[in-house]
């Protein structure tokens, strides 16, 4: 059975990778990217350290760009919009600060469990959108 983002991204997040790094690490394991993508994703962690953009959203968007950006088939912008639309149908916003507002301690186990669910949800959307591409 082929590995999926839905399977791998939450696993890596639970192992200590950030939200964005989890998607990149999964892409490396799936043979879609080189290992340096994980380092690139680090700057998107914690909403780019401002808790602005959810790292799971940033990570998924990085994968969309990797597979469909310039020098590929240039469908990245349309797919990025589709991902955003699907994510906000359930979560309403993509801001990490808003998505985690109920947690006073950003490093608490409760917040981490909450974010595992967001990573799973984002990974599932990405897998559904890219079905059959990897």
C-alpha atoms as a PDB file:
ATOM      1  CA  UNK A   1       0.000   0.000   0.000  1.00  0.00           C
ATOM      2  CA  UNK A   2       1.239   3.469  -0.908  1.00  0.00           C
ATOM      3  CA  UNK A   3       2.067   5.811   1.954  1.00  0.00           C
ATOM      4  CA  UNK A   4      -0.093   8.918   2.254  1.00  0.00           C
ATOM      5  CA  UNK A   5       0.116  12.341   3.856  1.00  0.00           C
ATOM      6  CA  UNK A   6      -2.850  11.340   6.036  1.00  0.00           C
ATOM      7  CA  UNK A   7      -0.784   8.498   7.458  1.00  0.00           C
ATOM      8  CA  UNK A   8       2.621  10.155   7.668  1.00  0.00           C
ATOM      9  CA  UNK A   9       2.142  13.852   8.512  1.00  0.00           C
ATOM     10  CA  UNK A  10       0.384  13.265  11.875  1.00  0.00           C
ATOM     11  CA  UNK A  11       2.954  10.580  12.729  1.00  0.00           C
ATOM     12  CA  UNK A  12       5.831  12.998  12.198  1.00  0.00           C
ATOM     13  CA  UNK A  13       4.038  15.777  14.070  1.00  0.00           C
ATOM     14  CA  UNK A  14       3.626  13.465  17.069  1.00  0.00           C
ATOM     15  CA  UNK A  15       7.352  12.632  16.812  1.00  0.00           C
ATOM     16  CA  UNK A  16       8.313  16.276  17.281  1.00  0.00           C
ATOM     17  CA  UNK A  17       8.351  17.764  13.799  1.00  0.00           C
ATOM     18  CA  UNK A  18       6.411  21.015  13.458  1.00  0.00           C
ATOM     19  CA  UNK A  19       3.187  21.143  11.438  1.00  0.00           C
ATOM     20  CA  UNK A  20       4.912  22.372   8.274  1.00  0.00           C
ATOM     21  CA  UNK A  21       7.910  20.081   8.729  1.00  0.00           C
ATOM     22  CA  UNK A  22       5.573  17.094   9.090  1.00  0.00           C
ATOM     23  CA  UNK A  23       4.260  17.538   5.557  1.00  0.00           C
ATOM     24  CA  UNK A  24       7.772  17.976   4.180  1.00  0.00           C
ATOM     25  CA  UNK A  25       9.105  14.935   6.055  1.00  0.00           C
ATOM     26  CA  UNK A  26       6.185  12.905   4.679  1.00  0.00           C
ATOM     27  CA  UNK A  27       6.958  14.103   1.139  1.00  0.00           C
ATOM     28  CA  UNK A  28      10.580  12.997   1.567  1.00  0.00           C
ATOM     29  CA  UNK A  29       9.530   9.549   2.779  1.00  0.00           C
ATOM     30  CA  UNK A  30       7.095   9.259  -0.123  1.00  0.00           C
ATOM     31  CA  UNK A  31       9.904  10.023  -2.585  1.00  0.00           C
ATOM     32  CA  UNK A  32       8.387  13.336  -3.687  1.00  0.00           C
ATOM     33  CA  UNK A  33      11.054  15.662  -2.306  1.00  0.00           C
ATOM     34  CA  UNK A  34      14.642  15.875  -1.166  1.00  0.00           C
ATOM     35  CA  UNK A  35      15.461  16.042   2.526  1.00  0.00           C
ATOM     36  CA  UNK A  36      16.314  19.755   2.413  1.00  0.00           C
ATOM     37  CA  UNK A  37      12.593  20.528   2.066  1.00  0.00           C
ATOM     38  CA  UNK A  38      12.269  19.731   5.788  1.00  0.00           C
ATOM     39  CA  UNK A  39      14.757  22.486   6.613  1.00  0.00           C
ATOM     40  CA  UNK A  40      12.942  24.892   4.319  1.00  0.00           C
ATOM     41  CA  UNK A  41       9.664  24.099   6.098  1.00  0.00           C
ATOM     42  CA  UNK A  42      11.148  24.982   9.502  1.00  0.00           C
ATOM     43  CA  UNK A  43      10.675  28.714   8.926  1.00  0.00           C
ATOM     44  CA  UNK A  44       6.927  28.117   8.530  1.00  0.00           C
ATOM     45  CA  UNK A  45       6.693  26.519  11.998  1.00  0.00           C
ATOM     46  CA  UNK A  46       4.445  28.143  14.577  1.00  0.00           C
ATOM     47  CA  UNK A  47       2.823  30.319  11.965  1.00  0.00           C
ATOM     48  CA  UNK A  48       6.209  31.595  10.797  1.00  0.00           C
ATOM     49  CA  UNK A  49       6.999  32.150  14.488  1.00  0.00           C
ATOM     50  CA  UNK A  50       4.238  34.755  14.639  1.00  0.00           C
ATOM     51  CA  UNK A  51       1.437  32.199  14.935  1.00  0.00           C
ATOM     52  CA  UNK A  52      -0.122  33.788  11.874  1.00  0.00           C
ATOM     53  CA  UNK A  53      -0.521  31.107   9.188  1.00  0.00           C
ATOM     54  CA  UNK A  54      -1.232  27.566  10.409  1.00  0.00           C
ATOM     55  CA  UNK A  55       1.824  25.418   9.722  1.00  0.00           C
ATOM     56  CA  UNK A  56      -0.329  22.541   8.478  1.00  0.00           C
ATOM     57  CA  UNK A  57      -1.811  24.845   5.844  1.00  0.00           C
ATOM     58  CA  UNK A  58       1.661  26.147   4.937  1.00  0.00           C
ATOM     59  CA  UNK A  59       3.030  22.603   4.716  1.00  0.00           C
ATOM     60  CA  UNK A  60       0.218  21.412   2.472  1.00  0.00           C
ATOM     61  CA  UNK A  61       0.614  24.474   0.254  1.00  0.00           C
ATOM     62  CA  UNK A  62       4.352  23.784  -0.045  1.00  0.00           C
ATOM     63  CA  UNK A  63       3.569  20.292  -1.334  1.00  0.00           C
ATOM     64  CA  UNK A  64       1.048  21.688  -3.822  1.00  0.00           C
ATOM     65  CA  UNK A  65       3.722  24.088  -5.080  1.00  0.00           C
ATOM     66  CA  UNK A  66       6.316  21.323  -5.219  1.00  0.00           C
ATOM     67  CA  UNK A  67       4.104  19.150  -7.404  1.00  0.00           C
ATOM     68  CA  UNK A  68       2.289  21.793  -9.474  1.00  0.00           C
ATOM     69  CA  UNK A  69       4.246  25.064  -9.341  1.00  0.00           C
ATOM     70  CA  UNK A  70       6.410  26.737 -11.929  1.00  0.00           C
ATOM     71  CA  UNK A  71       8.318  24.315 -14.119  1.00  0.00           C
ATOM     72  CA  UNK A  72       5.654  21.695 -13.430  1.00  0.00           C
ATOM     73  CA  UNK A  73       2.137  22.133 -14.800  1.00  0.00           C
ATOM     74  CA  UNK A  74       1.459  25.532 -13.161  1.00  0.00           C
ATOM     75  CA  UNK A  75      -1.774  24.420 -11.471  1.00  0.00           C
ATOM     76  CA  UNK A  76      -0.477  25.446  -8.031  1.00  0.00           C
ATOM     77  CA  UNK A  77      -2.597  28.574  -7.629  1.00  0.00           C
ATOM     78  CA  UNK A  78      -5.851  26.852  -8.507  1.00  0.00           C
ATOM     79  CA  UNK A  79      -5.034  23.951  -6.195  1.00  0.00           C
ATOM     80  CA  UNK A  80      -3.932  26.352  -3.445  1.00  0.00           C
ATOM     81  CA  UNK A  81      -7.306  28.067  -3.636  1.00  0.00           C
ATOM     82  CA  UNK A  82      -9.112  24.725  -3.574  1.00  0.00           C
ATOM     83  CA  UNK A  83      -7.147  23.649  -0.491  1.00  0.00           C
ATOM     84  CA  UNK A  84      -7.901  26.946   1.269  1.00  0.00           C
ATOM     85  CA  UNK A  85     -11.605  26.673   0.440  1.00  0.00           C
ATOM     86  CA  UNK A  86     -11.839  23.111   1.713  1.00  0.00           C
ATOM     87  CA  UNK A  87      -9.860  23.849   4.884  1.00  0.00           C
ATOM     88  CA  UNK A  88     -11.943  26.917   5.765  1.00  0.00           C
ATOM     89  CA  UNK A  89     -15.225  25.091   5.189  1.00  0.00           C
ATOM     90  CA  UNK A  90     -14.581  23.344   8.504  1.00  0.00           C
ATOM     91  CA  UNK A  91     -12.074  25.533  10.362  1.00  0.00           C
ATOM     92  CA  UNK A  92     -13.237  28.947   9.043  1.00  0.00           C
ATOM     93  CA  UNK A  93      -9.739  30.490   9.346  1.00  0.00           C
ATOM     94  CA  UNK A  94      -6.125  29.594   8.579  1.00  0.00           C
ATOM     95  CA  UNK A  95      -4.563  31.679  11.364  1.00  0.00           C
ATOM     96  CA  UNK A  96      -2.690  29.552  13.922  1.00  0.00           C
ATOM     97  CA  UNK A  97      -3.371  32.146  16.639  1.00  0.00           C
ATOM     98  CA  UNK A  98      -7.124  31.891  16.085  1.00  0.00           C
ATOM     99  CA  UNK A  99      -7.133  28.106  15.618  1.00  0.00           C
ATOM    100  CA  UNK A 100      -5.347  27.659  18.970  1.00  0.00           C
ATOM    101  CA  UNK A 101      -6.843  30.621  20.878  1.00  0.00           C
ATOM    102  CA  UNK A 102      -8.451  28.448  23.555  1.00  0.00           C
ATOM    103  CA  UNK A 103      -5.038  27.191  24.706  1.00  0.00           C
ATOM    104  CA  UNK A 104      -3.202  29.576  27.036  1.00  0.00           C
ATOM    105  CA  UNK A 105       0.003  27.551  26.838  1.00  0.00           C
ATOM    106  CA  UNK A 106       1.065  27.037  23.222  1.00  0.00           C
ATOM    107  CA  UNK A 107       3.328  24.158  24.305  1.00  0.00           C
ATOM    108  CA  UNK A 108       0.659  22.275  26.271  1.00  0.00           C
ATOM    109  CA  UNK A 109      -0.212  18.649  25.453  1.00  0.00           C
ATOM    110  CA  UNK A 110      -3.827  19.727  24.921  1.00  0.00           C
ATOM    111  CA  UNK A 111      -2.847  22.224  22.228  1.00  0.00           C
ATOM    112  CA  UNK A 112      -0.586  19.638  20.609  1.00  0.00           C
ATOM    113  CA  UNK A 113      -3.467  17.120  20.482  1.00  0.00           C
ATOM    114  CA  UNK A 114      -5.677  19.799  18.951  1.00  0.00           C
ATOM    115  CA  UNK A 115      -3.050  20.486  16.298  1.00  0.00           C
ATOM    116  CA  UNK A 116      -2.645  16.774  15.532  1.00  0.00           C
ATOM    117  CA  UNK A 117      -6.278  16.866  14.417  1.00  0.00           C
ATOM    118  CA  UNK A 118      -5.625  19.897  12.212  1.00  0.00           C
ATOM    119  CA  UNK A 119      -2.604  18.147  10.671  1.00  0.00           C
ATOM    120  CA  UNK A 120      -4.733  15.028  10.013  1.00  0.00           C
ATOM    121  CA  UNK A 121      -7.499  17.097   8.469  1.00  0.00           C
ATOM    122  CA  UNK A 122      -5.082  19.051   6.258  1.00  0.00           C
ATOM    123  CA  UNK A 123      -3.330  15.860   5.167  1.00  0.00           C
ATOM    124  CA  UNK A 124      -6.643  14.232   4.273  1.00  0.00           C
ATOM    125  CA  UNK A 125      -7.656  17.228   2.151  1.00  0.00           C
ATOM    126  CA  UNK A 126      -4.271  17.138   0.405  1.00  0.00           C
ATOM    127  CA  UNK A 127      -4.499  13.390  -0.243  1.00  0.00           C
ATOM    128  CA  UNK A 128      -8.009  13.740  -1.664  1.00  0.00           C
ATOM    129  CA  UNK A 129      -6.946  16.611  -3.915  1.00  0.00           C
ATOM    130  CA  UNK A 130      -3.845  14.832  -5.208  1.00  0.00           C
ATOM    131  CA  UNK A 131      -5.360  11.356  -5.413  1.00  0.00           C
ATOM    132  CA  UNK A 132      -3.476   9.175  -7.856  1.00  0.00           C
ATOM    133  CA  UNK A 133      -0.580  11.612  -8.338  1.00  0.00           C
ATOM    134  CA  UNK A 134       1.996   9.801  -6.212  1.00  0.00           C
END
